[in-house]
C-alpha atoms as a PDB file:
ATOM      1  CA  ASP A   1     -12.128  16.644  14.620  1.00  0.00           C
ATOM      2  CA  GLU A   2     -15.828  17.284  13.973  1.00  0.00           C
ATOM      3  CA  ARG A   3     -15.020  18.982  10.690  1.00  0.00           C
ATOM      4  CA  LEU A   4     -13.303  15.886   9.298  1.00  0.00           C
ATOM      5  CA  VAL A   5     -15.522  13.899   6.922  1.00  0.00           C
ATOM      6  CA  TRP A   6     -14.488  10.332   7.728  1.00  0.00           C
ATOM      7  CA  SER A   7     -16.199   8.960   4.647  1.00  0.00           C
ATOM      8  CA  ASN A   8     -13.980  11.081   2.377  1.00  0.00           C
ATOM      9  CA  PRO A   9     -10.579   9.411   1.752  1.00  0.00           C
ATOM     10  CA  ALA A  10      -9.187  12.679   0.374  1.00  0.00           C
ATOM     11  CA  GLU A  11      -9.533  14.144   3.872  1.00  0.00           C
ATOM     12  CA  VAL A  12      -8.852  11.109   6.016  1.00  0.00           C
ATOM     13  CA  TYR A  13      -5.621   9.689   4.599  1.00  0.00           C
ATOM     14  CA  PRO A  14      -3.478  12.849   4.699  1.00  0.00           C
ATOM     15  CA  ARG A  15      -4.446  13.174   8.393  1.00  0.00           C
ATOM     16  CA  MET A  16      -3.810   9.511   9.163  1.00  0.00           C
ATOM     17  CA  MET A  17      -0.260   9.699   7.833  1.00  0.00           C
ATOM     18  CA  HIS A  18       0.719  11.617  10.959  1.00  0.00           C
ATOM     19  CA  ALA A  19      -0.012   8.508  13.027  1.00  0.00           C
ATOM     20  CA  LEU A  20       2.830   6.728  11.205  1.00  0.00           C
ATOM     21  CA  SER A  21       5.210   9.026  13.065  1.00  0.00           C
ATOM     22  CA  ILE A  22       4.110   7.568  16.406  1.00  0.00           C
ATOM     23  CA  PRO A  23       6.004   4.313  17.135  1.00  0.00           C
ATOM     24  CA  THR A  24       3.181   2.980  19.331  1.00  0.00           C
ATOM     25  CA  PHE A  25       0.684   3.130  16.468  1.00  0.00           C
ATOM     26  CA  ARG A  26       2.940   2.782  13.423  1.00  0.00           C
ATOM     27  CA  ALA A  27       2.576  -0.974  12.783  1.00  0.00           C
ATOM     28  CA  ASN A  28      -1.221  -1.059  13.162  1.00  0.00           C
ATOM     29  CA  VAL A  29      -1.717   2.055  11.039  1.00  0.00           C
ATOM     30  CA  LEU A  30       0.573   0.628   8.383  1.00  0.00           C
ATOM     31  CA  VAL A  31      -1.435  -2.602   8.204  1.00  0.00           C
ATOM     32  CA  GLY A  32      -4.616  -0.593   7.663  1.00  0.00           C
ATOM     33  CA  LEU A  33      -2.913   1.564   5.064  1.00  0.00           C
ATOM     34  CA  VAL A  34      -1.583  -1.481   3.215  1.00  0.00           C
ATOM     35  CA  VAL A  35      -5.050  -3.016   3.009  1.00  0.00           C
ATOM     36  CA  SER A  36      -6.381   0.320   1.729  1.00  0.00           C
ATOM     37  CA  VAL A  37      -3.751   0.506  -1.017  1.00  0.00           C
ATOM     38  CA  GLY A  38      -5.026  -2.877  -2.174  1.00  0.00           C
ATOM     39  CA  GLY A  39      -8.629  -1.698  -1.820  1.00  0.00           C
ATOM     40  CA  LEU A  40     -11.514  -2.319  -4.160  1.00  0.00           C
ATOM     41  CA  THR A  41     -12.363   1.281  -5.069  1.00  0.00           C
ATOM     42  CA  GLU A  42     -10.232   3.524  -7.265  1.00  0.00           C
ATOM     43  CA  SER A  43     -10.727   6.494  -4.937  1.00  0.00           C
ATOM     44  CA  LEU A  44      -9.500   4.561  -1.901  1.00  0.00           C
ATOM     45  CA  VAL A  45      -6.430   3.239  -3.706  1.00  0.00           C
ATOM     46  CA  ARG A  46      -5.543   6.614  -5.213  1.00  0.00           C
ATOM     47  CA  HIS A  47      -5.800   8.670  -2.037  1.00  0.00           C
ATOM     48  CA  SER A  48      -4.088   6.136   0.220  1.00  0.00           C
ATOM     49  CA  SER A  49      -1.223   5.669  -2.252  1.00  0.00           C
ATOM     50  CA  THR A  50      -0.763   9.383  -2.877  1.00  0.00           C
ATOM     51  CA  SER A  51      -0.820  10.168   0.844  1.00  0.00           C
ATOM     52  CA  LEU A  52       1.790   7.497   1.561  1.00  0.00           C
ATOM     53  CA  ILE A  53       4.131   8.747  -1.174  1.00  0.00           C
ATOM     54  CA  THR A  54       3.797  12.323   0.062  1.00  0.00           C
ATOM     55  CA  TYR A  55       4.475  11.267   3.641  1.00  0.00           C
ATOM     56  CA  LEU A  56       7.561   9.235   2.717  1.00  0.00           C
ATOM     57  CA  SER A  57       9.006  12.182   0.802  1.00  0.00           C
ATOM     58  CA  THR A  58       9.120  14.129   4.086  1.00  0.00           C
ATOM     59  CA  LEU A  59      11.126  11.487   5.964  1.00  0.00           C
ATOM     60  CA  PRO A  60      14.884  11.916   6.277  1.00  0.00           C
ATOM     61  CA  SER A  61      17.031   8.998   5.154  1.00  0.00           C
ATOM     62  CA  THR A  62      19.139   9.289   8.286  1.00  0.00           C
ATOM     63  CA  PRO A  63      18.583  10.868  11.733  1.00  0.00           C
ATOM     64  CA  ASP A  64      18.909  14.631  11.877  1.00  0.00           C
ATOM     65  CA  LEU A  65      22.101  15.111  13.887  1.00  0.00           C
ATOM     66  CA  THR A  66      21.619  18.877  14.059  1.00  0.00           C
ATOM     67  CA  HIS A  67      18.934  18.364  16.695  1.00  0.00           C
ATOM     68  CA  PRO A  68      19.378  16.654  20.057  1.00  0.00           C
ATOM     69  CA  PRO A  69      17.827  13.188  20.452  1.00  0.00           C
ATOM     70  CA  PRO A  70      14.321  13.161  21.929  1.00  0.00           C
ATOM     71  CA  SER A  71      14.012  12.843  25.678  1.00  0.00           C
ATOM     72  CA  SER A  72      11.474  10.782  27.599  1.00  0.00           C
ATOM     73  CA  SER A  73       9.300  13.871  27.906  1.00  0.00           C
ATOM     74  CA  THR A  74       9.257  14.564  24.163  1.00  0.00           C
ATOM     75  CA  PRO A  75       5.838  13.766  22.648  1.00  0.00           C
ATOM     76  CA  GLU A  76       6.095  10.848  20.209  1.00  0.00           C
ATOM     77  CA  SER A  77       4.084  12.697  17.588  1.00  0.00           C
ATOM     78  CA  THR A  78       6.704  15.456  17.335  1.00  0.00           C
ATOM     79  CA  VAL A  79       9.581  13.095  16.466  1.00  0.00           C
ATOM     80  CA  LEU A  80       9.781  12.421  12.744  1.00  0.00           C
ATOM     81  CA  PRO A  81      10.981   8.868  12.033  1.00  0.00           C
ATOM     82  CA  THR A  82      13.629   8.120   9.429  1.00  0.00           C
ATOM     83  CA  LEU A  83      12.902   6.262   6.226  1.00  0.00           C
ATOM     84  CA  THR A  84      14.777   3.303   7.717  1.00  0.00           C
ATOM     85  CA  ASP A  85      12.392   3.348  10.699  1.00  0.00           C
ATOM     86  CA  PHE A  86       9.464   3.107   8.295  1.00  0.00           C
ATOM     87  CA  PHE A  87      11.015   0.202   6.384  1.00  0.00           C
ATOM     88  CA  THR A  88      11.833  -1.594   9.622  1.00  0.00           C
ATOM     89  CA  THR A  89       8.171  -1.440  10.625  1.00  0.00           C
ATOM     90  CA  LEU A  90       7.114  -2.564   7.165  1.00  0.00           C
ATOM     91  CA  LEU A  91       9.442  -5.578   7.443  1.00  0.00           C
ATOM     92  CA  ASP A  92       8.049  -6.427  10.874  1.00  0.00           C
ATOM     93  CA  VAL A  93       4.491  -6.249   9.498  1.00  0.00           C
ATOM     94  CA  PHE A  94       5.469  -8.428   6.525  1.00  0.00           C
ATOM     95  CA  SER A  95       7.080 -11.011   8.805  1.00  0.00           C
ATOM     96  CA  ALA A  96       4.132 -11.065  11.209  1.00  0.00           C
ATOM     97  CA  HIS A  97       1.603 -11.569   8.394  1.00  0.00           C
ATOM     98  CA  LEU A  98       3.611 -13.859   6.111  1.00  0.00           C
ATOM     99  CA  ARG A  99       1.282 -15.970   3.923  1.00  0.00           C
ATOM    100  CA  ASN A 100      -1.729 -13.957   5.095  1.00  0.00           C
ATOM    101  CA  ASP A 101      -2.967 -12.941   1.640  1.00  0.00           C
ATOM    102  CA  ARG A 102      -5.288 -10.237   2.961  1.00  0.00           C
ATOM    103  CA  VAL A 103      -2.206  -8.296   4.043  1.00  0.00           C
ATOM    104  CA  THR A 104       0.684  -9.598   1.967  1.00  0.00           C
ATOM    105  CA  VAL A 105      -0.855  -9.296  -1.505  1.00  0.00           C
ATOM    106  CA  PRO A 106      -1.557  -5.553  -1.135  1.00  0.00           C
ATOM    107  CA  LEU A 107       1.757  -5.259   0.727  1.00  0.00           C
ATOM    108  CA  LEU A 108       3.542  -6.433  -2.410  1.00  0.00           C
ATOM    109  CA  ASP A 109       1.726  -3.629  -4.254  1.00  0.00           C
ATOM    110  CA  VAL A 110       2.957  -1.170  -1.618  1.00  0.00           C
ATOM    111  CA  ILE A 111       6.536  -2.402  -2.051  1.00  0.00           C
ATOM    112  CA  ASP A 112       6.228  -1.896  -5.817  1.00  0.00           C
ATOM    113  CA  LEU A 113       4.988   1.612  -5.029  1.00  0.00           C
ATOM    114  CA  LEU A 114       8.077   2.186  -2.860  1.00  0.00           C
ATOM    115  CA  PHE A 115      10.303   1.301  -5.802  1.00  0.00           C
ATOM    116  CA  GLY A 116       8.381   3.672  -8.038  1.00  0.00           C
ATOM    117  CA  CYS A 117       8.656   6.676  -5.699  1.00  0.00           C
ATOM    118  CA  ASP A 118      12.412   6.151  -5.114  1.00  0.00           C
ATOM    119  CA  ALA A 119      11.947   5.287  -1.434  1.00  0.00           C
ATOM    120  CA  VAL A 120      13.859   2.030  -1.924  1.00  0.00           C
ATOM    121  CA  ASP A 121      16.702   3.858  -3.661  1.00  0.00           C
ATOM    122  CA  ARG A 122      16.931   6.265  -0.749  1.00  0.00           C
ATOM    123  CA  VAL A 123      16.979   3.578   1.934  1.00  0.00           C
ATOM    124  CA  LYS A 124      19.483   1.574  -0.138  1.00  0.00           C
ATOM    125  CA  ASP A 125      22.084   4.284   0.423  1.00  0.00           C
ATOM    126  CA  SER A 126      21.468   4.482   4.173  1.00  0.00           C
ATOM    127  CA  GLU A 127      23.675   2.908   6.822  1.00  0.00           C
ATOM    128  CA  ARG A 128      21.395  -0.128   7.166  1.00  0.00           C
ATOM    129  CA  GLY A 129      20.456  -0.262   3.501  1.00  0.00           C
ATOM    130  CA  ASP A 130      21.942  -3.682   2.752  1.00  0.00           C
ATOM    131  CA  GLU A 131      20.293  -5.196   5.820  1.00  0.00           C
ATOM    132  CA  VAL A 132      16.882  -3.731   5.010  1.00  0.00           C
ATOM    133  CA  LEU A 133      16.913  -4.748   1.345  1.00  0.00           C
ATOM    134  CA  GLY A 134      18.269  -8.185   2.137  1.00  0.00           C
ATOM    135  CA  ARG A 135      15.467  -8.876   4.572  1.00  0.00           C
ATOM    136  CA  LEU A 136      12.878  -7.427   2.205  1.00  0.00           C
ATOM    137  CA  TYR A 137      14.040  -9.668  -0.634  1.00  0.00           C
ATOM    138  CA  GLU A 138      13.942 -12.790   1.527  1.00  0.00           C
ATOM    139  CA  LEU A 139      10.422 -12.034   2.759  1.00  0.00           C
ATOM    140  CA  CYS A 140       9.187 -11.502  -0.807  1.00  0.00           C
ATOM    141  CA  ARG A 141      10.832 -14.735  -1.904  1.00  0.00           C
ATOM    142  CA  ALA A 142       9.340 -16.684   1.000  1.00  0.00           C
ATOM    143  CA  GLU A 143       5.869 -15.209   0.425  1.00  0.00           C
ATOM    144  CA  VAL A 144       5.544 -16.452  -3.162  1.00  0.00           C
ATOM    145  CA  GLU A 145       7.578 -19.643  -2.951  1.00  0.00           C
ATOM    146  CA  ARG A 146       5.480 -22.445  -4.507  1.00  0.00           C
ATOM    147  CA  SER A 147       2.474 -20.141  -4.686  1.00  0.00           C
ATOM    148  CA  LYS A 148      -0.133 -20.821  -7.365  1.00  0.00           C
ATOM    149  CA  ASP A 149      -1.953 -17.544  -6.775  1.00  0.00           C
ATOM    150  CA  VAL A 150      -1.639 -15.698 -10.088  1.00  0.00           C
ATOM    151  CA  LYS A 151      -2.356 -12.279  -8.568  1.00  0.00           C
ATOM    152  CA  LYS A 152       0.200 -12.711  -5.790  1.00  0.00           C
ATOM    153  CA  VAL A 153       2.919 -14.018  -8.097  1.00  0.00           C
ATOM    154  CA  GLY A 154       2.200 -11.222 -10.562  1.00  0.00           C
ATOM    155  CA  CYS A 155       2.673  -8.654  -7.789  1.00  0.00           C
ATOM    156  CA  ALA A 156       5.914 -10.352  -6.761  1.00  0.00           C
ATOM    157  CA  VAL A 157       7.250 -10.250 -10.334  1.00  0.00           C
ATOM    158  CA  LYS A 158       6.941  -6.455 -10.275  1.00  0.00           C
ATOM    159  CA  VAL A 159       8.812  -6.331  -6.958  1.00  0.00           C
ATOM    160  CA  PHE A 160      11.640  -8.543  -8.218  1.00  0.00           C
ATOM    161  CA  CYS A 161      11.874  -6.340 -11.312  1.00  0.00           C
ATOM    162  CA  GLY A 162      12.261  -3.400  -8.936  1.00  0.00           C
ATOM    163  CA  PHE A 163      15.151  -5.125  -7.196  1.00  0.00           C
ATOM    164  CA  ALA A 164      16.685  -5.988 -10.575  1.00  0.00           C
ATOM    165  CA  SER A 165      16.501  -2.320 -11.627  1.00  0.00           C
ATOM    166  CA  LEU A 166      18.492  -0.992  -8.675  1.00  0.00           C
ATOM    167  CA  GLU A 167      21.565   1.002  -9.615  1.00  0.00           C
ATOM    168  CA  THR A 168      23.933  -1.310  -7.832  1.00  0.00           C
ATOM    169  CA  GLN A 169      25.876  -4.487  -8.492  1.00  0.00           C
ATOM    170  CA  SER A 170      24.667  -6.113  -5.301  1.00  0.00           C
ATOM    171  CA  GLU A 171      23.930  -9.800  -4.935  1.00  0.00           C
ATOM    172  CA  ILE A 172      20.243  -8.980  -4.434  1.00  0.00           C
ATOM    173  CA  LYS A 173      20.076  -7.355  -7.863  1.00  0.00           C
ATOM    174  CA  LYS A 174      21.657 -10.423  -9.460  1.00  0.00           C
ATOM    175  CA  LYS A 175      19.396 -12.870  -7.636  1.00  0.00           C
ATOM    176  CA  SER A 176      16.324 -10.836  -8.552  1.00  0.00           C
ATOM    177  CA  LEU A 177      17.354 -10.708 -12.197  1.00  0.00           C
ATOM    178  CA  ARG A 178      17.726 -14.476 -12.292  1.00  0.00           C
ATOM    179  CA  LYS A 179      14.389 -14.886 -10.524  1.00  0.00           C
ATOM    180  CA  VAL A 180      12.542 -12.769 -13.084  1.00  0.00           C
ATOM    181  CA  VAL A 181      14.191 -14.784 -15.850  1.00  0.00           C
ATOM    182  CA  MET A 182      12.943 -17.986 -14.232  1.00  0.00           C
ATOM    183  CA  TYR A 183       9.404 -16.613 -14.300  1.00  0.00           C
ATOM    184  CA  LEU A 184       9.641 -16.656 -18.108  1.00  0.00           C
ATOM    185  CA  ALA A 185       9.219 -20.414 -17.734  1.00  0.00           C
ATOM    186  CA  HIS A 186       6.255 -20.205 -15.365  1.00  0.00           C
ATOM    187  CA  PRO A 187       3.331 -22.542 -16.158  1.00  0.00           C
ATOM    188  CA  TYR A 188       0.864 -19.627 -16.277  1.00  0.00           C
ATOM    189  CA  PRO A 189       0.984 -17.499 -19.467  1.00  0.00           C
ATOM    190  CA  ARG A 190      -0.019 -14.336 -17.557  1.00  0.00           C
ATOM    191  CA  ILE A 191       3.039 -14.678 -15.346  1.00  0.00           C
ATOM    192  CA  ARG A 192       5.335 -15.335 -18.307  1.00  0.00           C
ATOM    193  CA  ARG A 193       3.959 -12.241 -19.991  1.00  0.00           C
ATOM    194  CA  ALA A 194       4.333 -10.101 -16.853  1.00  0.00           C
ATOM    195  CA  ALA A 195       7.910 -11.312 -16.401  1.00  0.00           C
ATOM    196  CA  ALA A 196       8.747 -10.519 -20.025  1.00  0.00           C
ATOM    197  CA  GLU A 197       7.298  -7.009 -19.781  1.00  0.00           C
ATOM    198  CA  GLY A 198       9.085  -6.306 -16.515  1.00  0.00           C
ATOM    199  CA  LEU A 199      12.350  -7.728 -17.768  1.00  0.00           C
ATOM    200  CA  TYR A 200      12.131  -5.624 -20.906  1.00  0.00           C
ATOM    201  CA  MET A 201      11.984  -2.479 -18.774  1.00  0.00           C
ATOM    202  CA  VAL A 202      14.939  -3.702 -16.730  1.00  0.00           C
ATOM    203  CA  VAL A 203      17.221  -4.455 -19.677  1.00  0.00           C
ATOM    204  CA  THR A 204      16.346  -1.259 -21.556  1.00  0.00           C
ATOM    205  CA  THR A 205      17.010   0.992 -18.587  1.00  0.00           C
ATOM    206  CA  THR A 206      19.900  -0.665 -16.755  1.00  0.00           C
ATOM    207  CA  LEU A 207      21.871  -2.811 -19.225  1.00  0.00           C
ATOM    208  CA  ASP A 208      23.888  -2.029 -22.358  1.00  0.00           C
ATOM    209  CA  GLU A 209      24.122  -3.873 -25.681  1.00  0.00           C
ATOM    210  CA  VAL A 210      21.016  -5.984 -25.203  1.00  0.00           C
ATOM    211  CA  GLU A 211      19.237  -5.350 -28.509  1.00  0.00           C
ATOM    212  CA  GLU A 212      18.914  -9.071 -29.233  1.00  0.00           C
ATOM    213  CA  VAL A 213      17.425  -9.682 -25.799  1.00  0.00           C
ATOM    214  CA  GLU A 214      14.959  -6.809 -26.209  1.00  0.00           C
ATOM    215  CA  GLN A 215      13.850  -8.186 -29.565  1.00  0.00           C
ATOM    216  CA  LEU A 216      13.328 -11.643 -28.081  1.00  0.00           C
ATOM    217  CA  LEU A 217      11.204 -10.280 -25.253  1.00  0.00           C
ATOM    218  CA  LEU A 218       9.091  -8.165 -27.591  1.00  0.00           C
ATOM    219  CA  GLU A 219       8.506 -10.678 -30.372  1.00  0.00           C
ATOM    220  CA  THR A 220       7.732 -13.774 -28.328  1.00  0.00           C
ATOM    221  CA  ASP A 221       4.039 -14.497 -27.848  1.00  0.00           C
ATOM    222  CA  TRP A 222       4.129 -15.394 -24.176  1.00  0.00           C
ATOM    223  CA  TYR A 223       0.495 -16.484 -24.146  1.00  0.00           C
ATOM    224  CA  GLU A 224       0.936 -19.033 -26.906  1.00  0.00           C
ATOM    225  CA  THR A 225       4.528 -20.088 -26.448  1.00  0.00           C
ATOM    226  CA  GLY A 226       4.951 -23.312 -24.546  1.00  0.00           C
ATOM    227  CA  ILE A 227       7.103 -23.941 -21.532  1.00  0.00           C
ATOM    228  CA  VAL A 228       9.752 -25.684 -23.620  1.00  0.00           C
ATOM    229  CA  PHE A 229      10.613 -22.547 -25.572  1.00  0.00           C
ATOM    230  CA  ALA A 230      10.424 -20.450 -22.405  1.00  0.00           C
ATOM    231  CA  PHE A 231      12.873 -22.847 -20.809  1.00  0.00           C
ATOM    232  CA  VAL A 232      15.285 -22.292 -23.701  1.00  0.00           C
ATOM    233  CA  VAL A 233      14.973 -18.554 -23.140  1.00  0.00           C
ATOM    234  CA  ARG A 234      15.632 -19.093 -19.449  1.00  0.00           C
ATOM    235  CA  VAL A 235      18.836 -20.995 -20.183  1.00  0.00           C
ATOM    236  CA  GLY A 236      19.934 -18.310 -22.628  1.00  0.00           C
ATOM    237  CA  PHE A 237      19.449 -15.572 -20.039  1.00  0.00           C
ATOM    238  CA  ASN A 238      21.280 -17.548 -17.386  1.00  0.00           C
ATOM    239  CA  LEU A 239      24.217 -17.858 -19.760  1.00  0.00           C
ATOM    240  CA  PHE A 240      23.940 -14.169 -20.658  1.00  0.00           C
ATOM    241  CA  TRP A 241      24.348 -13.125 -17.028  1.00  0.00           C
ATOM    242  CA  ASN A 242      26.592 -15.989 -16.000  1.00  0.00           C
ATOM    243  CA  GLU A 243      29.747 -14.712 -14.302  1.00  0.00           C
END
């Protein structure tokens, strides 16, 4: 389109979202979009993120059974994928680029974005919800296991807090909650602080009768407090949620 200004992200990204509906191009477009969401300029991040959220809001959670399935002659671009289709591609991209920081670090930001726009909640209730979330959790866990990259671990903490905030009593929620608690004992103060802030939001929005826990999270100086005290807090939380 000669009228499209390719240097203007406000014009380009809304158009590019349509390519996500084409299975042939979906994975490659998603990789480019992920890198853009983790971009260096505020304009690039804002427009790519906003366009993705808008696009996801148009996707049905399940196939539309009121219309016949597409035939071999149906153009790919006219078939709207389901939200599960999108997540399946995202998981495939994550798996293919595991430990490739150029892709996976901004991908963790995208996953946090998916929690924030309720896309994860929607896919959770789909037929393959447990499978999708289970695989997503395991990929996130594998990506940051033994990582010393503060930025990557910080992104992962937000994702695990998202899992811990899900309105479900699933095993993934419990494992994520314990994982965030463990990050309170992380060697890096920035990670301890991020875990405390994320955990505070989790306990205030999803758990009852946790005033003492909230006070502990708010009053502890996570930059100055040593690992020993954080370890005590970790044990206390493990006992608090021990079943």
